[in-house]
Amino acid sequence: PHQSIMVRTGEPTQDMAHLRRLLGDARLAIHAALTAVMAWLAIVLAAPGDTFGTSISFRAMAALATEEHWSMAFWLAATLGLIGLTTPHRGMRLGSVLVLATMHGVVAGCLVLGNPATTGTGTYAVLACLGYYLAWRRTDEGL
């Protein structure tokens, strides 16, 4: 059953601590999701087959680099994301989120250039915005 945090603890200081813990978990979840999507893109583009040939949406990405090059860039970003998730170093966490957000933004930009009507454009744009929001929150907390 749903109950408010205030009812659960009754203490405002405990309520704030609980809220901070929940927000921290949400930030980790956003970071993990950005990393997972980037790793998935790397896997899809590294797999045999012509992914770029399946849709005009990938036209701009194909013009910039091969699937293998994109896959390596996505693996690098996913690796940095994983490092950012596991390190206690705040600067590294911030840097990895900025890399992930930027890569999602690049994908959104490429998809809009290839085919503005694709749903992927909005999806990757939202992921980029989530990443930049997370980076802003992390800088707001201080490095």
Protein backbone atom coordinates (compact mmCIF):
# COMPACT_ATOMS: atom_id res chain seq x y z
CA PRO A 1 0.00 0.00 0.00
CA HIS A 2 1.10 3.53 -0.74
CA GLN A 3 2.04 5.68 2.19
CA SER A 4 3.89 8.93 2.36
CA ILE A 5 7.41 9.16 3.66
CA MET A 6 6.19 11.44 6.46
CA VAL A 7 3.78 8.76 7.73
CA ARG A 8 6.47 6.10 7.53
CA THR A 9 9.04 7.82 9.71
CA GLY A 10 7.36 10.82 11.29
CA GLU A 11 10.71 12.65 11.46
CA PRO A 12 11.44 15.42 8.91
CA THR A 13 15.20 14.81 9.01
CA GLN A 14 14.72 11.10 8.36
CA ASP A 15 12.28 11.93 5.59
CA MET A 16 14.84 14.10 3.84
CA ALA A 17 17.54 11.46 4.22
CA HIS A 18 15.20 8.86 2.74
CA LEU A 19 14.29 11.20 -0.14
CA ARG A 20 17.98 11.87 -0.86
CA ARG A 21 18.66 8.12 -0.90
CA LEU A 22 15.77 7.55 -3.34
CA LEU A 23 16.97 10.36 -5.62
CA GLY A 24 20.48 8.93 -5.52
CA ASP A 25 19.08 5.59 -6.63
CA ALA A 26 17.18 7.27 -9.47
CA ARG A 27 20.37 8.98 -10.63
CA LEU A 28 22.21 5.68 -10.66
CA ALA A 29 19.33 4.14 -12.61
CA ILE A 30 19.51 6.90 -15.24
CA HIS A 31 23.28 6.46 -15.50
CA ALA A 32 22.89 2.68 -15.82
CA ALA A 33 20.17 3.04 -18.48
CA LEU A 34 22.29 5.44 -20.55
CA THR A 35 25.19 2.98 -20.32
CA ALA A 36 23.04 -0.05 -21.22
CA VAL A 37 21.51 1.61 -24.29
CA MET A 38 24.97 2.64 -25.48
CA ALA A 39 26.26 -0.92 -25.03
CA TRP A 40 23.23 -2.27 -26.91
CA LEU A 41 23.96 0.05 -29.84
CA ALA A 42 27.55 -1.18 -29.86
CA ILE A 43 26.40 -4.81 -29.93
CA VAL A 44 23.86 -4.23 -32.70
CA LEU A 45 26.38 -2.44 -34.90
CA ALA A 46 29.11 -5.02 -34.23
CA ALA A 47 26.83 -7.92 -35.15
CA PRO A 48 27.05 -9.38 -38.65
CA GLY A 49 24.76 -7.79 -41.17
CA ASP A 50 24.12 -4.39 -42.63
CA THR A 51 22.29 -2.46 -39.91
CA PHE A 52 22.71 0.84 -41.71
CA GLY A 53 21.18 -0.68 -44.83
CA THR A 54 17.94 -1.55 -43.02
CA SER A 55 16.61 2.00 -42.75
CA ILE A 56 17.10 5.43 -44.25
CA SER A 57 17.25 6.69 -40.66
CA PHE A 58 20.88 5.60 -40.51
CA ARG A 59 21.88 7.49 -43.67
CA ALA A 60 23.69 10.30 -41.80
CA MET A 61 25.50 7.86 -39.51
CA ALA A 62 26.62 5.80 -42.50
CA ALA A 63 27.92 8.95 -44.20
CA LEU A 64 30.07 9.81 -41.17
CA ALA A 65 31.61 6.42 -40.37
CA THR A 66 31.29 2.67 -40.80
CA GLU A 67 29.21 0.51 -38.49
CA GLU A 68 32.43 -0.84 -36.99
CA HIS A 69 33.68 2.65 -36.15
CA TRP A 70 30.35 3.61 -34.59
CA SER A 71 30.35 0.37 -32.64
CA MET A 72 33.81 1.10 -31.22
CA ALA A 73 32.76 4.63 -30.26
CA PHE A 74 29.65 3.28 -28.53
CA TRP A 75 31.70 0.61 -26.70
CA LEU A 76 34.10 3.29 -25.50
CA ALA A 77 31.21 5.43 -24.24
CA ALA A 78 29.57 2.40 -22.56
CA THR A 79 32.88 1.47 -20.92
CA LEU A 80 33.28 5.01 -19.60
CA GLY A 81 29.69 4.82 -18.36
CA LEU A 82 30.42 1.59 -16.53
CA ILE A 83 33.53 3.09 -14.97
CA GLY A 84 31.49 6.13 -13.93
CA LEU A 85 28.90 3.87 -12.31
CA THR A 86 31.47 1.98 -10.28
CA THR A 87 33.89 4.70 -9.22
CA PRO A 88 33.49 6.84 -6.11
CA HIS A 89 35.28 9.69 -7.95
CA ARG A 90 32.67 12.38 -8.65
CA GLY A 91 34.63 13.96 -11.49
CA MET A 92 34.78 10.64 -13.34
CA ARG A 93 31.06 10.10 -12.78
CA LEU A 94 30.32 13.53 -14.20
CA GLY A 95 32.65 13.00 -17.16
CA SER A 96 31.14 9.64 -18.02
CA VAL A 97 27.59 11.03 -17.91
CA LEU A 98 28.60 13.91 -20.17
CA VAL A 99 30.13 11.48 -22.69
CA LEU A 100 27.02 9.27 -22.61
CA ALA A 101 24.63 12.21 -22.97
CA THR A 102 26.64 13.63 -25.86
CA MET A 103 26.74 10.29 -27.67
CA HIS A 104 22.95 9.93 -27.31
CA GLY A 105 22.60 13.47 -28.64
CA VAL A 106 24.82 12.66 -31.62
CA VAL A 107 22.69 9.60 -32.41
CA ALA A 108 19.51 11.72 -32.17
CA GLY A 109 21.03 14.34 -34.46
CA CYS A 110 22.12 11.75 -37.01
CA LEU A 111 18.72 10.09 -36.97
CA VAL A 112 16.91 13.40 -37.50
CA LEU A 113 19.19 14.14 -40.46
CA GLY A 114 18.52 10.70 -41.94
CA ASN A 115 14.78 10.54 -41.28
CA PRO A 116 13.10 13.13 -39.03
CA ALA A 117 9.94 11.01 -38.79
CA THR A 118 11.58 8.11 -36.94
CA THR A 119 10.71 7.49 -33.30
CA GLY A 120 14.39 6.94 -32.55
CA THR A 121 15.06 10.65 -32.90
CA GLY A 122 12.88 11.56 -29.95
CA THR A 123 13.98 8.58 -27.91
CA TYR A 124 17.67 9.40 -28.16
CA ALA A 125 16.99 13.11 -27.66
CA VAL A 126 15.16 12.31 -24.40
CA LEU A 127 18.04 10.07 -23.31
CA ALA A 128 20.50 12.88 -24.05
CA CYS A 129 18.37 15.32 -22.04
CA LEU A 130 18.23 12.87 -19.12
CA GLY A 131 22.01 12.58 -19.25
CA TYR A 132 22.53 16.33 -19.29
CA TYR A 133 20.04 16.72 -16.46
CA LEU A 134 21.97 14.13 -14.47
CA ALA A 135 25.23 15.96 -15.19
CA TRP A 136 23.66 19.23 -14.04
CA ARG A 137 22.48 17.58 -10.81
CA ARG A 138 25.92 16.12 -10.22
CA THR A 139 27.61 19.50 -10.66
CA ASP A 140 24.95 21.05 -8.44
CA GLU A 141 26.03 18.60 -5.72
CA GLY A 142 29.63 19.65 -6.20
CA LEU A 143 32.64 17.81 -7.49
